[in-house]
Amino acid sequence: MREYETTFIVQPEISDEGRQALCQKLDAALERMSALRLGLEDHGKRKLAYEIRKFQKGHYFTLFFLDVGPSVKEIERLLRLDESVLRFLTVQVNDEVLDIEARKTEAVEQERMRQQRAAERAARDAEEEHAREEAMRESRERVEKSREEPALMEPSGEEEDGDSEELEERE
């Protein structure tokens, strides 16, 4: 068997349910083609190197699997037909995997590490969101406080009259 990895980029505004549905569709295709799924890595939203279909960000995924070859075409066909997929690339990582059980064990460990990193990333994102909300709240409070303070005194009308009298005298 050969080892493959397919990296694909999905539109950033696709919901979690939409992304999960796409991943389930790919898993079902692998199962139909008798391929062995090793893992799916969610890299999260990232800025694209260049604009693709008017998107500047994309949600990155990498699918790892073992197969003799025919499932690659099916996976790429599914990705090509899905409108939410911006780009994809399949690469043959290993020409021949001799010890499939050892590779499965390694993949399980890698998946556990990916999930741990994803949990850390989610916690970090939540913390950043909380910090942004706090900054917005403080900004709104400052704006409201500045509105409540009395306005600076504007020049009185007497000074303006004095200026107009000077102009009349010059004429």
N, C-alpha and C. Protein backbone atom coordinates (compact mmCIF):
# COMPACT_ATOMS: atom_id res chain seq x y z
N MET A 1 0.84 -1.19 0.00
CA MET A 1 0.00 0.00 0.00
C MET A 1 0.87 1.25 0.00
N ARG A 2 0.32 2.31 -0.56
CA ARG A 2 1.01 3.59 -0.59
C ARG A 2 0.32 4.55 0.40
N GLU A 3 1.12 5.49 0.87
CA GLU A 3 0.58 6.50 1.79
C GLU A 3 0.42 7.80 1.03
N TYR A 4 -0.75 8.42 1.19
CA TYR A 4 -1.06 9.69 0.53
C TYR A 4 -1.49 10.71 1.57
N GLU A 5 -1.33 11.96 1.21
CA GLU A 5 -1.95 13.03 1.99
C GLU A 5 -2.55 14.03 1.01
N THR A 6 -3.76 14.42 1.30
CA THR A 6 -4.47 15.40 0.49
C THR A 6 -4.71 16.63 1.34
N THR A 7 -4.19 17.75 0.90
CA THR A 7 -4.42 19.01 1.59
C THR A 7 -5.44 19.79 0.78
N PHE A 8 -6.46 20.29 1.45
CA PHE A 8 -7.47 21.07 0.75
C PHE A 8 -7.85 22.29 1.57
N ILE A 9 -8.27 23.33 0.85
CA ILE A 9 -8.64 24.61 1.46
C ILE A 9 -10.12 24.84 1.20
N VAL A 10 -10.85 25.12 2.27
CA VAL A 10 -12.29 25.34 2.20
C VAL A 10 -12.57 26.82 2.46
N GLN A 11 -13.65 27.33 1.88
CA GLN A 11 -14.03 28.72 2.11
C GLN A 11 -14.13 28.99 3.61
N PRO A 12 -13.68 30.16 4.06
CA PRO A 12 -13.62 30.43 5.50
C PRO A 12 -14.98 30.56 6.18
N GLU A 13 -16.02 30.96 5.46
CA GLU A 13 -17.30 31.18 6.14
C GLU A 13 -18.19 29.93 6.20
N ILE A 14 -17.70 28.80 5.70
CA ILE A 14 -18.46 27.56 5.77
C ILE A 14 -18.62 27.17 7.24
N SER A 15 -19.81 26.74 7.61
CA SER A 15 -20.10 26.39 9.01
C SER A 15 -19.36 25.11 9.41
N ASP A 16 -19.31 24.87 10.70
CA ASP A 16 -18.70 23.64 11.21
C ASP A 16 -19.41 22.42 10.66
N GLU A 17 -20.73 22.50 10.57
CA GLU A 17 -21.51 21.37 10.05
C GLU A 17 -21.16 21.10 8.59
N GLY A 18 -20.96 22.16 7.81
CA GLY A 18 -20.58 22.00 6.41
C GLY A 18 -19.22 21.36 6.26
N ARG A 19 -18.28 21.77 7.11
CA ARG A 19 -16.94 21.18 7.06
C ARG A 19 -16.99 19.72 7.48
N GLN A 20 -17.76 19.43 8.52
CA GLN A 20 -17.88 18.04 8.97
C GLN A 20 -18.54 17.17 7.91
N ALA A 21 -19.55 17.71 7.22
CA ALA A 21 -20.21 16.95 6.16
C ALA A 21 -19.23 16.62 5.03
N LEU A 22 -18.39 17.58 4.68
CA LEU A 22 -17.39 17.34 3.64
C LEU A 22 -16.41 16.26 4.08
N CYS A 23 -15.94 16.33 5.30
CA CYS A 23 -15.00 15.33 5.81
C CYS A 23 -15.65 13.95 5.87
N GLN A 24 -16.92 13.88 6.25
CA GLN A 24 -17.63 12.60 6.27
C GLN A 24 -17.79 12.03 4.87
N LYS A 25 -18.02 12.91 3.90
CA LYS A 25 -18.14 12.48 2.51
C LYS A 25 -16.82 11.86 2.03
N LEU A 26 -15.71 12.49 2.41
CA LEU A 26 -14.40 11.97 2.03
C LEU A 26 -14.11 10.63 2.72
N ASP A 27 -14.48 10.54 4.00
CA ASP A 27 -14.30 9.28 4.74
C ASP A 27 -15.11 8.16 4.10
N ALA A 28 -16.34 8.46 3.70
CA ALA A 28 -17.20 7.44 3.06
C ALA A 28 -16.59 6.98 1.73
N ALA A 29 -16.01 7.91 0.99
CA ALA A 29 -15.37 7.55 -0.28
C ALA A 29 -14.17 6.64 -0.03
N LEU A 30 -13.38 6.96 0.98
CA LEU A 30 -12.23 6.11 1.31
C LEU A 30 -12.69 4.71 1.70
N GLU A 31 -13.75 4.63 2.47
CA GLU A 31 -14.28 3.34 2.90
C GLU A 31 -14.79 2.53 1.71
N ARG A 32 -15.50 3.19 0.79
CA ARG A 32 -16.01 2.50 -0.41
C ARG A 32 -14.88 1.94 -1.27
N MET A 33 -13.77 2.66 -1.32
CA MET A 33 -12.65 2.26 -2.17
C MET A 33 -11.65 1.37 -1.42
N SER A 34 -11.99 0.93 -0.24
CA SER A 34 -11.15 0.04 0.59
C SER A 34 -9.82 0.68 0.98
N ALA A 35 -9.82 1.97 1.13
CA ALA A 35 -8.62 2.68 1.59
C ALA A 35 -8.68 2.79 3.11
N LEU A 36 -7.55 3.04 3.71
CA LEU A 36 -7.46 3.12 5.16
C LEU A 36 -7.16 4.57 5.55
N ARG A 37 -8.11 5.21 6.22
CA ARG A 37 -7.93 6.59 6.67
C ARG A 37 -7.05 6.60 7.90
N LEU A 38 -5.97 7.39 7.85
CA LEU A 38 -5.05 7.49 8.98
C LEU A 38 -5.38 8.67 9.88
N GLY A 39 -5.86 9.74 9.29
CA GLY A 39 -6.18 10.90 10.11
C GLY A 39 -6.58 12.09 9.27
N LEU A 40 -7.12 13.07 9.95
CA LEU A 40 -7.51 14.33 9.33
C LEU A 40 -7.02 15.45 10.23
N GLU A 41 -6.19 16.31 9.70
CA GLU A 41 -5.66 17.42 10.48
C GLU A 41 -6.36 18.71 10.07
N ASP A 42 -6.90 19.40 11.05
CA ASP A 42 -7.56 20.68 10.84
C ASP A 42 -6.56 21.77 11.20
N HIS A 43 -6.06 22.47 10.19
CA HIS A 43 -5.06 23.52 10.43
C HIS A 43 -5.72 24.85 10.80
N GLY A 44 -7.02 24.95 10.64
CA GLY A 44 -7.73 26.17 10.98
C GLY A 44 -7.71 27.19 9.85
N LYS A 45 -8.20 28.38 10.17
CA LYS A 45 -8.24 29.45 9.18
C LYS A 45 -6.89 30.12 9.08
N ARG A 46 -6.48 30.35 7.84
CA ARG A 46 -5.20 31.02 7.60
C ARG A 46 -5.34 31.98 6.43
N LYS A 47 -4.45 32.93 6.40
CA LYS A 47 -4.42 33.87 5.29
C LYS A 47 -3.82 33.16 4.08
N LEU A 48 -4.45 33.34 2.93
CA LEU A 48 -3.95 32.74 1.70
C LEU A 48 -2.78 33.56 1.16
N ALA A 49 -1.89 32.92 0.43
CA ALA A 49 -0.76 33.62 -0.16
C ALA A 49 -1.23 34.59 -1.23
N TYR A 50 -2.32 34.25 -1.90
CA TYR A 50 -2.93 35.11 -2.91
C TYR A 50 -4.42 34.86 -2.90
N GLU A 51 -5.16 35.78 -3.43
CA GLU A 51 -6.62 35.71 -3.44
C GLU A 51 -7.09 34.57 -4.35
N ILE A 52 -8.02 33.76 -3.85
CA ILE A 52 -8.62 32.69 -4.63
C ILE A 52 -10.14 32.90 -4.60
N ARG A 53 -10.73 33.07 -5.75
CA ARG A 53 -12.18 33.31 -5.86
C ARG A 53 -12.66 34.40 -4.89
N LYS A 54 -11.90 35.47 -4.82
CA LYS A 54 -12.20 36.64 -3.98
C LYS A 54 -12.14 36.35 -2.48
N PHE A 55 -11.45 35.27 -2.09
CA PHE A 55 -11.25 34.97 -0.68
C PHE A 55 -9.78 35.23 -0.34
N GLN A 56 -9.57 35.88 0.81
CA GLN A 56 -8.21 36.14 1.26
C GLN A 56 -7.80 35.20 2.37
N LYS A 57 -8.77 34.48 2.93
CA LYS A 57 -8.50 33.49 3.97
C LYS A 57 -9.15 32.18 3.56
N GLY A 58 -8.67 31.10 4.16
CA GLY A 58 -9.23 29.79 3.89
C GLY A 58 -9.04 28.90 5.09
N HIS A 59 -9.88 27.86 5.18
CA HIS A 59 -9.79 26.88 6.25
C HIS A 59 -9.05 25.66 5.70
N TYR A 60 -7.89 25.36 6.26
CA TYR A 60 -7.01 24.31 5.74
C TYR A 60 -7.25 22.97 6.44
N PHE A 61 -7.24 21.88 5.65
CA PHE A 61 -7.33 20.51 6.17
C PHE A 61 -6.30 19.66 5.45
N THR A 62 -5.82 18.61 6.13
CA THR A 62 -4.97 17.61 5.50
C THR A 62 -5.51 16.23 5.87
N LEU A 63 -5.80 15.42 4.85
CA LEU A 63 -6.32 14.07 5.01
C LEU A 63 -5.20 13.09 4.72
N PHE A 64 -4.93 12.18 5.67
CA PHE A 64 -3.89 11.17 5.51
C PHE A 64 -4.56 9.82 5.31
N PHE A 65 -4.11 9.05 4.30
CA PHE A 65 -4.70 7.73 4.07
C PHE A 65 -3.73 6.80 3.36
N LEU A 66 -4.02 5.50 3.49
CA LEU A 66 -3.28 4.45 2.80
C LEU A 66 -4.17 3.85 1.73
N ASP A 67 -3.58 3.58 0.55
CA ASP A 67 -4.35 3.00 -0.54
C ASP A 67 -3.41 2.48 -1.61
N VAL A 68 -3.95 1.65 -2.50
CA VAL A 68 -3.15 1.17 -3.63
C VAL A 68 -3.25 2.14 -4.80
N GLY A 69 -4.15 3.12 -4.76
CA GLY A 69 -4.18 4.13 -5.80
C GLY A 69 -5.53 4.59 -6.30
N PRO A 70 -6.55 3.73 -6.45
CA PRO A 70 -7.78 4.18 -7.09
C PRO A 70 -8.60 5.22 -6.30
N SER A 71 -8.44 5.28 -5.00
CA SER A 71 -9.24 6.22 -4.22
C SER A 71 -8.79 7.66 -4.42
N VAL A 72 -7.57 7.87 -4.87
CA VAL A 72 -7.06 9.23 -5.08
C VAL A 72 -7.95 9.96 -6.10
N LYS A 73 -8.28 9.29 -7.19
CA LYS A 73 -9.12 9.92 -8.21
C LYS A 73 -10.50 10.26 -7.65
N GLU A 74 -11.06 9.36 -6.85
CA GLU A 74 -12.39 9.59 -6.28
C GLU A 74 -12.36 10.75 -5.29
N ILE A 75 -11.35 10.81 -4.44
CA ILE A 75 -11.22 11.92 -3.46
C ILE A 75 -11.10 13.24 -4.21
N GLU A 76 -10.25 13.28 -5.22
CA GLU A 76 -10.06 14.51 -5.99
C GLU A 76 -11.33 14.89 -6.75
N ARG A 77 -12.08 13.91 -7.24
CA ARG A 77 -13.33 14.19 -7.93
C ARG A 77 -14.33 14.84 -6.97
N LEU A 78 -14.43 14.29 -5.76
CA LEU A 78 -15.35 14.86 -4.76
C LEU A 78 -14.95 16.29 -4.39
N LEU A 79 -13.66 16.52 -4.23
CA LEU A 79 -13.19 17.86 -3.88
C LEU A 79 -13.43 18.84 -5.03
N ARG A 80 -13.25 18.38 -6.26
CA ARG A 80 -13.46 19.24 -7.43
C ARG A 80 -14.93 19.64 -7.55
N LEU A 81 -15.84 18.72 -7.21
CA LEU A 81 -17.27 19.00 -7.35
C LEU A 81 -17.84 19.86 -6.22
N ASP A 82 -17.17 19.88 -5.10
CA ASP A 82 -17.67 20.66 -3.95
C ASP A 82 -17.31 22.13 -4.14
N GLU A 83 -18.32 23.00 -4.18
CA GLU A 83 -18.10 24.43 -4.43
C GLU A 83 -17.38 25.14 -3.29
N SER A 84 -17.44 24.58 -2.09
CA SER A 84 -16.80 25.24 -0.96
C SER A 84 -15.29 25.01 -0.93
N VAL A 85 -14.78 24.06 -1.72
CA VAL A 85 -13.35 23.77 -1.76
C VAL A 85 -12.68 24.73 -2.74
N LEU A 86 -11.71 25.48 -2.23
CA LEU A 86 -11.01 26.46 -3.06
C LEU A 86 -9.85 25.82 -3.83
N ARG A 87 -9.07 24.98 -3.15
CA ARG A 87 -7.92 24.31 -3.78
C ARG A 87 -7.69 22.98 -3.08
N PHE A 88 -7.01 22.06 -3.77
CA PHE A 88 -6.60 20.80 -3.15
C PHE A 88 -5.35 20.29 -3.85
N LEU A 89 -4.62 19.44 -3.13
CA LEU A 89 -3.41 18.85 -3.67
C LEU A 89 -3.19 17.50 -2.98
N THR A 90 -3.00 16.46 -3.77
CA THR A 90 -2.72 15.13 -3.22
C THR A 90 -1.27 14.78 -3.52
N VAL A 91 -0.57 14.30 -2.51
CA VAL A 91 0.83 13.95 -2.62
C VAL A 91 1.03 12.53 -2.12
N GLN A 92 1.83 11.76 -2.84
CA GLN A 92 2.20 10.42 -2.38
C GLN A 92 3.36 10.59 -1.41
N VAL A 93 3.12 10.26 -0.14
CA VAL A 93 4.12 10.48 0.90
C VAL A 93 5.11 9.33 0.95
N ASN A 94 4.59 8.11 0.84
CA ASN A 94 5.44 6.93 0.95
C ASN A 94 5.04 5.95 -0.15
N ASP A 95 6.03 5.49 -0.91
CA ASP A 95 5.75 4.60 -2.04
C ASP A 95 5.24 3.24 -1.59
N GLU A 96 5.78 2.74 -0.49
CA GLU A 96 5.32 1.44 -0.02
C GLU A 96 5.39 1.38 1.50
N VAL A 97 4.24 1.16 2.12
CA VAL A 97 4.16 1.00 3.56
C VAL A 97 4.13 -0.50 3.83
N LEU A 98 5.18 -1.01 4.47
CA LEU A 98 5.28 -2.45 4.70
C LEU A 98 4.54 -2.88 5.96
N ASP A 99 4.72 -2.15 7.03
CA ASP A 99 4.09 -2.50 8.31
C ASP A 99 2.89 -1.59 8.53
N ILE A 100 1.73 -2.04 8.09
CA ILE A 100 0.51 -1.23 8.15
C ILE A 100 0.07 -1.00 9.59
N GLU A 101 0.19 -2.02 10.43
CA GLU A 101 -0.23 -1.89 11.83
C GLU A 101 0.63 -0.85 12.57
N ALA A 102 1.92 -0.85 12.32
CA ALA A 102 2.80 0.14 12.94
C ALA A 102 2.43 1.54 12.47
N ARG A 103 2.10 1.68 11.20
CA ARG A 103 1.70 2.98 10.65
C ARG A 103 0.38 3.44 11.26
N LYS A 104 -0.54 2.49 11.48
CA LYS A 104 -1.82 2.83 12.12
C LYS A 104 -1.58 3.34 13.54
N THR A 105 -0.72 2.66 14.27
CA THR A 105 -0.41 3.06 15.64
C THR A 105 0.21 4.45 15.67
N GLU A 106 1.14 4.68 14.75
CA GLU A 106 1.77 6.00 14.64
C GLU A 106 0.73 7.07 14.31
N ALA A 107 -0.20 6.74 13.42
CA ALA A 107 -1.24 7.69 13.03
C ALA A 107 -2.16 8.02 14.19
N VAL A 108 -2.47 7.04 15.03
CA VAL A 108 -3.31 7.28 16.21
C VAL A 108 -2.62 8.25 17.15
N GLU A 109 -1.32 8.06 17.36
CA GLU A 109 -0.56 8.97 18.22
C GLU A 109 -0.52 10.38 17.63
N GLN A 110 -0.31 10.47 16.33
CA GLN A 110 -0.30 11.78 15.67
C GLN A 110 -1.67 12.45 15.78
N GLU A 111 -2.73 11.68 15.63
CA GLU A 111 -4.09 12.23 15.74
C GLU A 111 -4.34 12.78 17.15
N ARG A 112 -3.85 12.05 18.15
CA ARG A 112 -4.00 12.50 19.54
C ARG A 112 -3.27 13.84 19.73
N MET A 113 -2.08 13.95 19.17
CA MET A 113 -1.30 15.19 19.28
C MET A 113 -2.01 16.33 18.53
N ARG A 114 -2.59 16.03 17.38
CA ARG A 114 -3.32 17.05 16.62
C ARG A 114 -4.51 17.56 17.41
N GLN A 115 -5.22 16.63 18.03
CA GLN A 115 -6.38 17.04 18.82
C GLN A 115 -5.97 17.91 19.99
N GLN A 116 -4.85 17.57 20.60
CA GLN A 116 -4.35 18.37 21.71
C GLN A 116 -3.99 19.78 21.22
N ARG A 117 -3.31 19.88 20.07
CA ARG A 117 -2.97 21.19 19.51
C ARG A 117 -4.23 21.97 19.13
N ALA A 118 -5.23 21.25 18.60
CA ALA A 118 -6.49 21.91 18.23
C ALA A 118 -7.18 22.47 19.46
N ALA A 119 -7.16 21.72 20.57
CA ALA A 119 -7.77 22.20 21.81
C ALA A 119 -7.02 23.42 22.32
N GLU A 120 -5.69 23.40 22.24
CA GLU A 120 -4.90 24.56 22.66
C GLU A 120 -5.19 25.77 21.78
N ARG A 121 -5.32 25.53 20.47
CA ARG A 121 -5.61 26.62 19.53
C ARG A 121 -6.99 27.20 19.83
N ALA A 122 -7.97 26.32 20.12
CA ALA A 122 -9.32 26.80 20.42
C ALA A 122 -9.32 27.63 21.70
N ALA A 123 -8.57 27.20 22.70
CA ALA A 123 -8.49 27.96 23.95
C ALA A 123 -7.83 29.32 23.70
N ARG A 124 -6.77 29.32 22.89
CA ARG A 124 -6.08 30.57 22.57
C ARG A 124 -7.00 31.52 21.78
N ASP A 125 -7.76 30.96 20.83
CA ASP A 125 -8.70 31.77 20.04
C ASP A 125 -9.78 32.36 20.94
N ALA A 126 -10.29 31.55 21.87
CA ALA A 126 -11.32 32.04 22.79
C ALA A 126 -10.76 33.15 23.67
N GLU A 127 -9.52 32.99 24.11
CA GLU A 127 -8.88 34.02 24.95
C GLU A 127 -8.70 35.31 24.15
N GLU A 128 -8.28 35.19 22.89
CA GLU A 128 -8.10 36.38 22.05
C GLU A 128 -9.44 37.06 21.80
N GLU A 129 -10.48 36.29 21.57
CA GLU A 129 -11.82 36.85 21.36
C GLU A 129 -12.29 37.59 22.60
N HIS A 130 -12.04 37.00 23.76
CA HIS A 130 -12.41 37.66 25.02
C HIS A 130 -11.65 38.98 25.18
N ALA A 131 -10.36 38.98 24.84
CA ALA A 131 -9.56 40.20 24.94
C ALA A 131 -10.08 41.27 23.97
N ARG A 132 -10.48 40.87 22.76
CA ARG A 132 -11.04 41.83 21.80
C ARG A 132 -12.35 42.41 22.32
N GLU A 133 -13.20 41.55 22.87
CA GLU A 133 -14.47 42.03 23.41
C GLU A 133 -14.24 43.00 24.56
N GLU A 134 -13.28 42.69 25.42
CA GLU A 134 -12.95 43.56 26.56
C GLU A 134 -12.44 44.92 26.05
N ALA A 135 -11.59 44.90 25.04
CA ALA A 135 -11.06 46.15 24.48
C ALA A 135 -12.19 46.97 23.86
N MET A 136 -13.12 46.32 23.17
CA MET A 136 -14.26 47.03 22.57
C MET A 136 -15.14 47.64 23.66
N ARG A 137 -15.36 46.90 24.74
CA ARG A 137 -16.18 47.40 25.84
C ARG A 137 -15.52 48.62 26.47
N GLU A 138 -14.21 48.55 26.71
CA GLU A 138 -13.50 49.69 27.29
C GLU A 138 -13.53 50.89 26.35
N SER A 139 -13.40 50.65 25.07
CA SER A 139 -13.44 51.73 24.08
C SER A 139 -14.81 52.41 24.10
N ARG A 140 -15.88 51.60 24.13
CA ARG A 140 -17.24 52.17 24.19
C ARG A 140 -17.43 52.98 25.46
N GLU A 141 -16.91 52.50 26.59
CA GLU A 141 -17.03 53.23 27.86
C GLU A 141 -16.33 54.57 27.79
N ARG A 142 -15.13 54.60 27.17
CA ARG A 142 -14.40 55.87 27.04
C ARG A 142 -15.16 56.85 26.17
N VAL A 143 -15.74 56.35 25.09
CA VAL A 143 -16.50 57.22 24.18
C VAL A 143 -17.71 57.79 24.91
N GLU A 144 -18.44 56.95 25.64
CA GLU A 144 -19.61 57.42 26.38
C GLU A 144 -19.20 58.41 27.46
N LYS A 145 -18.07 58.15 28.12
CA LYS A 145 -17.61 59.05 29.17
C LYS A 145 -17.23 60.40 28.58
N SER A 146 -16.59 60.39 27.40
CA SER A 146 -16.21 61.66 26.78
C SER A 146 -17.45 62.44 26.33
N ARG A 147 -18.51 61.75 25.98
CA ARG A 147 -19.76 62.43 25.59
C ARG A 147 -20.43 63.08 26.79
N GLU A 148 -20.27 62.46 27.95
CA GLU A 148 -20.90 62.98 29.16
C GLU A 148 -20.18 64.22 29.68
N GLU A 149 -18.89 64.38 29.42
CA GLU A 149 -18.14 65.54 29.90
C GLU A 149 -18.65 66.78 29.18
N PRO A 150 -18.68 67.91 29.88
CA PRO A 150 -19.17 69.14 29.24
C PRO A 150 -18.27 69.53 28.07
N ALA A 151 -18.87 70.07 27.05
CA ALA A 151 -18.12 70.50 25.87
C ALA A 151 -17.24 71.69 26.23
N LEU A 152 -16.15 71.82 25.53
CA LEU A 152 -15.26 72.96 25.78
C LEU A 152 -16.01 74.25 25.46
N MET A 153 -15.69 75.28 26.20
CA MET A 153 -16.38 76.54 25.98
C MET A 153 -16.01 77.09 24.62
N GLU A 154 -17.03 77.48 23.87
CA GLU A 154 -16.80 78.05 22.56
C GLU A 154 -16.59 79.55 22.72
N PRO A 155 -15.90 80.16 21.77
CA PRO A 155 -15.65 81.60 21.87
C PRO A 155 -16.98 82.36 21.92
N SER A 156 -17.01 83.40 22.73
CA SER A 156 -18.25 84.16 22.86
C SER A 156 -18.45 85.03 21.63
N GLY A 157 -19.65 85.52 21.48
CA GLY A 157 -19.99 86.35 20.33
C GLY A 157 -19.31 87.70 20.37
N GLU A 158 -18.88 88.17 21.57
CA GLU A 158 -18.26 89.48 21.70
C GLU A 158 -16.96 89.56 20.92
N GLU A 159 -16.17 88.49 20.98
CA GLU A 159 -14.89 88.50 20.28
C GLU A 159 -15.12 88.61 18.78
N GLU A 160 -16.15 87.94 18.31
CA GLU A 160 -16.44 87.99 16.88
C GLU A 160 -16.83 89.41 16.48
N ASP A 161 -17.63 90.08 17.36
CA ASP A 161 -18.03 91.46 17.06
C ASP A 161 -16.81 92.36 17.03
N GLY A 162 -15.88 92.12 17.93
CA GLY A 162 -14.67 92.94 17.97
C GLY A 162 -13.89 92.80 16.68
N ASP A 163 -13.82 91.62 16.14
CA ASP A 163 -13.11 91.39 14.88
C ASP A 163 -13.80 92.12 13.74
N SER A 164 -15.12 92.11 13.75
CA SER A 164 -15.83 92.76 12.66
C SER A 164 -15.66 94.28 12.76
N GLU A 165 -15.55 94.84 14.00
CA GLU A 165 -15.34 96.27 14.15
C GLU A 165 -13.97 96.67 13.62
N GLU A 166 -12.95 95.81 13.86
CA GLU A 166 -11.62 96.10 13.35
C GLU A 166 -11.63 96.14 11.84
N LEU A 167 -12.34 95.23 11.21
CA LEU A 167 -12.42 95.18 9.77
C LEU A 167 -13.09 96.44 9.23
N GLU A 168 -14.14 96.91 9.90
CA GLU A 168 -14.85 98.09 9.45
C GLU A 168 -13.94 99.32 9.55
N GLU A 169 -13.10 99.39 10.63
CA GLU A 169 -12.23 100.52 10.79
C GLU A 169 -11.18 100.56 9.70
N ARG A 170 -10.69 99.43 9.25
CA ARG A 170 -9.66 99.37 8.19
C ARG A 170 -10.23 99.82 6.86
N GLU A 171 -11.47 99.59 6.64
CA GLU A 171 -12.08 99.94 5.35
C GLU A 171 -12.29 101.40 5.31
